[in-house]
């Protein structure tokens, strides 16, 4: 069974700690944020370079499609530029960036186009994704098993209620702790802990063939 907690070893069928989890979420300095607030092209370019991979990775995990993730990432960049005046140079912009990304993905998941895409397309393979969770040191058979497990987990994440999927992705793939997730989602620390526990239980049911 999948057990909640900030530090836990991977079990069969649950998300494993990948490259996303081995580095902290990047943070822009106050001078860069001030430049973004003033809509300076160079500052905006540096800001998007800093966060684009994280935005794309989050969108891919939530949407399960490279094409939709690319569309979402572009829309997030547009929304960030449009709302840059809200940034406070004295505060870390990362939680706001993640909130914009998650709200964008919510809109895409609610759209009729996405519902049609889900009915007519099978989930894309994660092979070739920039965020790879399969250890390159594994042997051929172990690699195939790990790839299949990752495919099953990704498929379950797309099927999961987005509010639950978000906390799993932010914690297990983006490397945020519960306090950082609470800030990004504007929730209490206790609410995030409970949601994360519910999310893991629902994910386990999906992976075992039950309804979440």
C-alpha atoms as a PDB file:
ATOM      1  CA  UNK A   1       0.000   0.000   0.000  1.00  0.00           C
ATOM      2  CA  UNK A   2       1.174   3.537  -0.716  1.00  0.00           C
ATOM      3  CA  UNK A   3       2.023   5.335   2.481  1.00  0.00           C
ATOM      4  CA  UNK A   4       1.913   9.139   2.827  1.00  0.00           C
ATOM      5  CA  UNK A   5       4.826  11.086   4.228  1.00  0.00           C
ATOM      6  CA  UNK A   6       7.511  13.551   3.206  1.00  0.00           C
ATOM      7  CA  UNK A   7      10.185  10.880   2.841  1.00  0.00           C
ATOM      8  CA  UNK A   8       9.331   7.354   1.695  1.00  0.00           C
ATOM      9  CA  UNK A   9      10.845   4.752  -0.556  1.00  0.00           C
ATOM     10  CA  UNK A  10       9.074   3.917  -3.794  1.00  0.00           C
ATOM     11  CA  UNK A  11       6.840   0.855  -3.854  1.00  0.00           C
ATOM     12  CA  UNK A  12       5.569  -0.944  -6.948  1.00  0.00           C
ATOM     13  CA  UNK A  13       3.081   1.187  -8.814  1.00  0.00           C
ATOM     14  CA  UNK A  14       3.657   4.507  -7.020  1.00  0.00           C
ATOM     15  CA  UNK A  15       5.596   7.574  -8.205  1.00  0.00           C
ATOM     16  CA  UNK A  16       9.335   7.264  -7.781  1.00  0.00           C
ATOM     17  CA  UNK A  17      11.778  10.038  -7.000  1.00  0.00           C
ATOM     18  CA  UNK A  18      13.050  11.258 -10.364  1.00  0.00           C
ATOM     19  CA  UNK A  19      15.286  14.060 -11.623  1.00  0.00           C
ATOM     20  CA  UNK A  20      12.606  16.641 -10.725  1.00  0.00           C
ATOM     21  CA  UNK A  21      12.933  15.635  -7.081  1.00  0.00           C
ATOM     22  CA  UNK A  22      16.731  15.953  -6.953  1.00  0.00           C
ATOM     23  CA  UNK A  23      16.893  19.725  -7.187  1.00  0.00           C
ATOM     24  CA  UNK A  24      14.999  22.453  -5.409  1.00  0.00           C
ATOM     25  CA  UNK A  25      12.406  24.536  -7.181  1.00  0.00           C
ATOM     26  CA  UNK A  26      14.270  27.462  -8.777  1.00  0.00           C
ATOM     27  CA  UNK A  27      13.685  30.925  -7.402  1.00  0.00           C
ATOM     28  CA  UNK A  28      14.102  34.279  -9.118  1.00  0.00           C
ATOM     29  CA  UNK A  29      15.977  37.067  -7.346  1.00  0.00           C
ATOM     30  CA  UNK A  30      14.288  40.366  -6.521  1.00  0.00           C
ATOM     31  CA  UNK A  31      16.020  42.257  -9.338  1.00  0.00           C
ATOM     32  CA  UNK A  32      14.758  39.766 -11.921  1.00  0.00           C
ATOM     33  CA  UNK A  33      11.227  39.907 -10.489  1.00  0.00           C
ATOM     34  CA  UNK A  34      11.279  43.691 -10.617  1.00  0.00           C
ATOM     35  CA  UNK A  35      12.315  43.513 -14.264  1.00  0.00           C
ATOM     36  CA  UNK A  36       9.427  41.137 -14.974  1.00  0.00           C
ATOM     37  CA  UNK A  37       7.049  43.561 -13.237  1.00  0.00           C
ATOM     38  CA  UNK A  38       8.256  46.292 -15.609  1.00  0.00           C
ATOM     39  CA  UNK A  39       7.713  43.977 -18.601  1.00  0.00           C
ATOM     40  CA  UNK A  40      11.372  44.139 -19.607  1.00  0.00           C
ATOM     41  CA  UNK A  41      11.911  41.643 -22.481  1.00  0.00           C
ATOM     42  CA  UNK A  42      15.262  40.355 -21.190  1.00  0.00           C
ATOM     43  CA  UNK A  43      13.891  39.826 -17.691  1.00  0.00           C
ATOM     44  CA  UNK A  44      10.797  38.068 -19.030  1.00  0.00           C
ATOM     45  CA  UNK A  45      12.975  35.786 -21.153  1.00  0.00           C
ATOM     46  CA  UNK A  46      15.192  34.864 -18.183  1.00  0.00           C
ATOM     47  CA  UNK A  47      12.133  34.330 -15.991  1.00  0.00           C
ATOM     48  CA  UNK A  48      10.488  31.974 -18.484  1.00  0.00           C
ATOM     49  CA  UNK A  49      13.764  30.097 -19.002  1.00  0.00           C
ATOM     50  CA  UNK A  50      13.979  29.632 -15.238  1.00  0.00           C
ATOM     51  CA  UNK A  51      10.507  28.115 -14.844  1.00  0.00           C
ATOM     52  CA  UNK A  52       9.515  26.695 -18.234  1.00  0.00           C
ATOM     53  CA  UNK A  53      10.726  23.123 -17.634  1.00  0.00           C
ATOM     54  CA  UNK A  54       8.891  22.979 -14.321  1.00  0.00           C
ATOM     55  CA  UNK A  55       5.718  24.389 -15.847  1.00  0.00           C
ATOM     56  CA  UNK A  56       5.864  21.927 -18.720  1.00  0.00           C
ATOM     57  CA  UNK A  57       6.565  18.978 -16.416  1.00  0.00           C
ATOM     58  CA  UNK A  58       3.642  19.889 -14.171  1.00  0.00           C
ATOM     59  CA  UNK A  59       1.323  20.308 -17.162  1.00  0.00           C
ATOM     60  CA  UNK A  60       2.389  17.012 -18.698  1.00  0.00           C
ATOM     61  CA  UNK A  61       1.759  15.116 -15.462  1.00  0.00           C
ATOM     62  CA  UNK A  62      -1.694  16.684 -15.103  1.00  0.00           C
ATOM     63  CA  UNK A  63      -2.758  16.459 -18.753  1.00  0.00           C
ATOM     64  CA  UNK A  64      -0.948  13.338 -19.988  1.00  0.00           C
ATOM     65  CA  UNK A  65      -0.217  14.787 -23.431  1.00  0.00           C
ATOM     66  CA  UNK A  66       2.865  16.490 -24.833  1.00  0.00           C
ATOM     67  CA  UNK A  67       0.734  18.627 -27.162  1.00  0.00           C
ATOM     68  CA  UNK A  68      -1.589  19.770 -24.367  1.00  0.00           C
ATOM     69  CA  UNK A  69       1.367  20.373 -22.043  1.00  0.00           C
ATOM     70  CA  UNK A  70       3.034  22.580 -24.660  1.00  0.00           C
ATOM     71  CA  UNK A  71      -0.199  24.527 -25.153  1.00  0.00           C
ATOM     72  CA  UNK A  72      -0.576  24.883 -21.396  1.00  0.00           C
ATOM     73  CA  UNK A  73       3.011  26.069 -20.929  1.00  0.00           C
ATOM     74  CA  UNK A  74       2.564  28.746 -23.598  1.00  0.00           C
ATOM     75  CA  UNK A  75      -0.696  29.881 -22.006  1.00  0.00           C
ATOM     76  CA  UNK A  76       0.972  30.020 -18.585  1.00  0.00           C
ATOM     77  CA  UNK A  77       3.738  32.236 -19.966  1.00  0.00           C
ATOM     78  CA  UNK A  78       1.092  34.551 -21.431  1.00  0.00           C
ATOM     79  CA  UNK A  79      -0.796  34.689 -18.119  1.00  0.00           C
ATOM     80  CA  UNK A  80       2.406  35.357 -16.189  1.00  0.00           C
ATOM     81  CA  UNK A  81       3.274  38.251 -18.474  1.00  0.00           C
ATOM     82  CA  UNK A  82      -0.252  39.649 -18.222  1.00  0.00           C
ATOM     83  CA  UNK A  83      -0.279  39.372 -14.418  1.00  0.00           C
ATOM     84  CA  UNK A  84       3.356  40.327 -13.773  1.00  0.00           C
ATOM     85  CA  UNK A  85       2.310  43.524 -11.981  1.00  0.00           C
ATOM     86  CA  UNK A  86       1.044  41.322  -9.112  1.00  0.00           C
ATOM     87  CA  UNK A  87       4.522  40.020  -8.316  1.00  0.00           C
ATOM     88  CA  UNK A  88       6.181  41.190  -5.117  1.00  0.00           C
ATOM     89  CA  UNK A  89       9.998  41.418  -5.529  1.00  0.00           C
ATOM     90  CA  UNK A  90      10.364  40.661  -1.812  1.00  0.00           C
ATOM     91  CA  UNK A  91       8.615  37.292  -2.101  1.00  0.00           C
ATOM     92  CA  UNK A  92       9.489  34.050  -3.868  1.00  0.00           C
ATOM     93  CA  UNK A  93       7.473  34.004  -7.139  1.00  0.00           C
ATOM     94  CA  UNK A  94       7.588  30.203  -7.506  1.00  0.00           C
ATOM     95  CA  UNK A  95       4.314  29.452  -5.638  1.00  0.00           C
ATOM     96  CA  UNK A  96       2.476  32.021  -7.790  1.00  0.00           C
ATOM     97  CA  UNK A  97       3.965  30.549 -10.968  1.00  0.00           C
ATOM     98  CA  UNK A  98       2.819  27.066  -9.944  1.00  0.00           C
ATOM     99  CA  UNK A  99      -0.650  28.367  -9.062  1.00  0.00           C
ATOM    100  CA  UNK A 100      -0.969  29.952 -12.511  1.00  0.00           C
ATOM    101  CA  UNK A 101       0.138  26.674 -14.109  1.00  0.00           C
ATOM    102  CA  UNK A 102      -2.363  24.611 -12.133  1.00  0.00           C
ATOM    103  CA  UNK A 103      -5.243  27.000 -12.863  1.00  0.00           C
ATOM    104  CA  UNK A 104      -4.377  26.837 -16.551  1.00  0.00           C
ATOM    105  CA  UNK A 105      -4.403  23.045 -16.497  1.00  0.00           C
ATOM    106  CA  UNK A 106      -7.746  23.065 -14.707  1.00  0.00           C
ATOM    107  CA  UNK A 107      -9.203  25.153 -17.517  1.00  0.00           C
ATOM    108  CA  UNK A 108      -7.800  22.815 -20.146  1.00  0.00           C
ATOM    109  CA  UNK A 109      -9.087  19.704 -18.373  1.00  0.00           C
ATOM    110  CA  UNK A 110     -12.567  21.234 -18.184  1.00  0.00           C
ATOM    111  CA  UNK A 111     -12.668  22.130 -21.865  1.00  0.00           C
ATOM    112  CA  UNK A 112     -14.818  20.182 -24.305  1.00  0.00           C
ATOM    113  CA  UNK A 113     -11.798  19.709 -26.566  1.00  0.00           C
ATOM    114  CA  UNK A 114      -9.955  17.870 -23.796  1.00  0.00           C
ATOM    115  CA  UNK A 115     -12.969  15.639 -23.111  1.00  0.00           C
ATOM    116  CA  UNK A 116     -13.067  14.747 -26.819  1.00  0.00           C
ATOM    117  CA  UNK A 117      -9.292  14.093 -26.801  1.00  0.00           C
ATOM    118  CA  UNK A 118      -9.658  11.717 -23.862  1.00  0.00           C
ATOM    119  CA  UNK A 119     -12.434   9.759 -25.557  1.00  0.00           C
ATOM    120  CA  UNK A 120     -10.627   9.334 -28.850  1.00  0.00           C
ATOM    121  CA  UNK A 121      -6.943   9.049 -27.876  1.00  0.00           C
ATOM    122  CA  UNK A 122      -5.096   6.630 -25.637  1.00  0.00           C
ATOM    123  CA  UNK A 123      -2.628   8.055 -23.156  1.00  0.00           C
ATOM    124  CA  UNK A 124       0.709   8.867 -24.756  1.00  0.00           C
ATOM    125  CA  UNK A 125       3.755   6.831 -23.831  1.00  0.00           C
ATOM    126  CA  UNK A 126       6.166   8.602 -21.495  1.00  0.00           C
ATOM    127  CA  UNK A 127       9.110   7.302 -23.553  1.00  0.00           C
ATOM    128  CA  UNK A 128      11.129  10.274 -24.749  1.00  0.00           C
ATOM    129  CA  UNK A 129       9.730  12.693 -22.171  1.00  0.00           C
ATOM    130  CA  UNK A 130      12.303  15.143 -20.810  1.00  0.00           C
ATOM    131  CA  UNK A 131      11.379  14.040 -17.272  1.00  0.00           C
ATOM    132  CA  UNK A 132      12.412  10.393 -17.114  1.00  0.00           C
ATOM    133  CA  UNK A 133      11.866   8.419 -13.938  1.00  0.00           C
ATOM    134  CA  UNK A 134      13.484   5.190 -15.094  1.00  0.00           C
ATOM    135  CA  UNK A 135      16.987   4.605 -13.740  1.00  0.00           C
ATOM    136  CA  UNK A 136      19.382   4.278 -16.725  1.00  0.00           C
ATOM    137  CA  UNK A 137      21.449   1.803 -14.692  1.00  0.00           C
ATOM    138  CA  UNK A 138      18.661  -0.792 -14.782  1.00  0.00           C
ATOM    139  CA  UNK A 139      18.959  -3.890 -16.950  1.00  0.00           C
ATOM    140  CA  UNK A 140      16.708  -4.365 -20.019  1.00  0.00           C
ATOM    141  CA  UNK A 141      14.031  -6.381 -18.203  1.00  0.00           C
ATOM    142  CA  UNK A 142      13.999  -4.108 -15.169  1.00  0.00           C
ATOM    143  CA  UNK A 143      13.841  -1.077 -17.443  1.00  0.00           C
ATOM    144  CA  UNK A 144      10.793  -2.445 -19.261  1.00  0.00           C
ATOM    145  CA  UNK A 145       9.056  -3.159 -15.955  1.00  0.00           C
ATOM    146  CA  UNK A 146       9.905   0.320 -14.660  1.00  0.00           C
ATOM    147  CA  UNK A 147       8.640   1.953 -17.864  1.00  0.00           C
ATOM    148  CA  UNK A 148       5.372   0.047 -17.645  1.00  0.00           C
ATOM    149  CA  UNK A 149       4.963   1.020 -13.978  1.00  0.00           C
ATOM    150  CA  UNK A 150       5.608   4.658 -14.848  1.00  0.00           C
ATOM    151  CA  UNK A 151       3.049   4.468 -17.691  1.00  0.00           C
ATOM    152  CA  UNK A 152       0.439   3.069 -15.311  1.00  0.00           C
ATOM    153  CA  UNK A 153       1.128   5.732 -12.705  1.00  0.00           C
ATOM    154  CA  UNK A 154       0.925   8.530 -15.291  1.00  0.00           C
ATOM    155  CA  UNK A 155      -2.347   7.160 -16.640  1.00  0.00           C
ATOM    156  CA  UNK A 156      -3.759   7.013 -13.100  1.00  0.00           C
ATOM    157  CA  UNK A 157      -2.658  10.597 -12.406  1.00  0.00           C
ATOM    158  CA  UNK A 158      -4.578  11.835 -15.453  1.00  0.00           C
ATOM    159  CA  UNK A 159      -7.684   9.963 -14.295  1.00  0.00           C
ATOM    160  CA  UNK A 160      -7.379  11.242 -10.727  1.00  0.00           C
ATOM    161  CA  UNK A 161      -9.365  14.275  -9.569  1.00  0.00           C
ATOM    162  CA  UNK A 162      -7.074  17.199 -10.355  1.00  0.00           C
ATOM    163  CA  UNK A 163      -7.109  18.546  -6.787  1.00  0.00           C
ATOM    164  CA  UNK A 164      -5.697  15.215  -5.644  1.00  0.00           C
ATOM    165  CA  UNK A 165      -3.341  14.821  -8.594  1.00  0.00           C
ATOM    166  CA  UNK A 166      -1.850  18.254  -7.939  1.00  0.00           C
ATOM    167  CA  UNK A 167      -0.585  17.452  -4.459  1.00  0.00           C
ATOM    168  CA  UNK A 168       0.986  14.165  -5.612  1.00  0.00           C
ATOM    169  CA  UNK A 169       2.704  15.841  -8.556  1.00  0.00           C
ATOM    170  CA  UNK A 170       3.914  18.816  -6.522  1.00  0.00           C
ATOM    171  CA  UNK A 171       5.285  16.566  -3.775  1.00  0.00           C
ATOM    172  CA  UNK A 172       6.553  13.467  -5.598  1.00  0.00           C
ATOM    173  CA  UNK A 173       7.610  14.974  -8.937  1.00  0.00           C
ATOM    174  CA  UNK A 174       8.276  18.659  -8.225  1.00  0.00           C
ATOM    175  CA  UNK A 175       9.922  18.027  -4.844  1.00  0.00           C
ATOM    176  CA  UNK A 176       7.889  20.496  -2.767  1.00  0.00           C
ATOM    177  CA  UNK A 177       7.200  19.833   0.901  1.00  0.00           C
ATOM    178  CA  UNK A 178       3.717  20.179   2.396  1.00  0.00           C
ATOM    179  CA  UNK A 179       4.289  23.763   3.545  1.00  0.00           C
ATOM    180  CA  UNK A 180       5.373  24.848   0.060  1.00  0.00           C
ATOM    181  CA  UNK A 181       2.379  23.076  -1.473  1.00  0.00           C
ATOM    182  CA  UNK A 182       0.096  24.821   1.012  1.00  0.00           C
ATOM    183  CA  UNK A 183       1.478  28.162  -0.143  1.00  0.00           C
ATOM    184  CA  UNK A 184       1.050  27.315  -3.831  1.00  0.00           C
ATOM    185  CA  UNK A 185      -2.519  26.057  -3.359  1.00  0.00           C
ATOM    186  CA  UNK A 186      -3.515  28.647  -0.731  1.00  0.00           C
ATOM    187  CA  UNK A 187      -4.399  25.909   1.758  1.00  0.00           C
ATOM    188  CA  UNK A 188      -3.443  25.176   5.338  1.00  0.00           C
ATOM    189  CA  UNK A 189      -0.585  22.801   6.050  1.00  0.00           C
ATOM    190  CA  UNK A 190      -3.017  20.340   7.644  1.00  0.00           C
ATOM    191  CA  UNK A 191      -5.355  20.487   4.636  1.00  0.00           C
ATOM    192  CA  UNK A 192      -2.467  19.603   2.323  1.00  0.00           C
ATOM    193  CA  UNK A 193      -1.434  16.668   4.525  1.00  0.00           C
ATOM    194  CA  UNK A 194      -4.980  15.292   4.457  1.00  0.00           C
ATOM    195  CA  UNK A 195      -5.355  15.846   0.717  1.00  0.00           C
ATOM    196  CA  UNK A 196      -2.025  14.145   0.039  1.00  0.00           C
ATOM    197  CA  UNK A 197      -3.082  11.122   2.099  1.00  0.00           C
ATOM    198  CA  UNK A 198      -6.417  10.952   0.229  1.00  0.00           C
ATOM    199  CA  UNK A 199      -4.611  11.321  -3.083  1.00  0.00           C
ATOM    200  CA  UNK A 200      -2.273   8.410  -2.422  1.00  0.00           C
ATOM    201  CA  UNK A 201      -5.183   6.210  -1.348  1.00  0.00           C
ATOM    202  CA  UNK A 202      -7.148   7.119  -4.487  1.00  0.00           C
ATOM    203  CA  UNK A 203      -4.094   6.554  -6.679  1.00  0.00           C
ATOM    204  CA  UNK A 204      -3.552   3.132  -5.101  1.00  0.00           C
ATOM    205  CA  UNK A 205      -7.165   2.198  -5.865  1.00  0.00           C
ATOM    206  CA  UNK A 206      -6.793   3.265  -9.479  1.00  0.00           C
ATOM    207  CA  UNK A 207      -3.595   1.285  -9.860  1.00  0.00           C
ATOM    208  CA  UNK A 208      -5.280  -1.811  -8.403  1.00  0.00           C
ATOM    209  CA  UNK A 209      -8.176  -1.490 -10.846  1.00  0.00           C
ATOM    210  CA  UNK A 210     -10.690  -0.001  -8.425  1.00  0.00           C
ATOM    211  CA  UNK A 211     -12.536   3.281  -8.852  1.00  0.00           C
ATOM    212  CA  UNK A 212     -10.895   6.286  -7.171  1.00  0.00           C
END
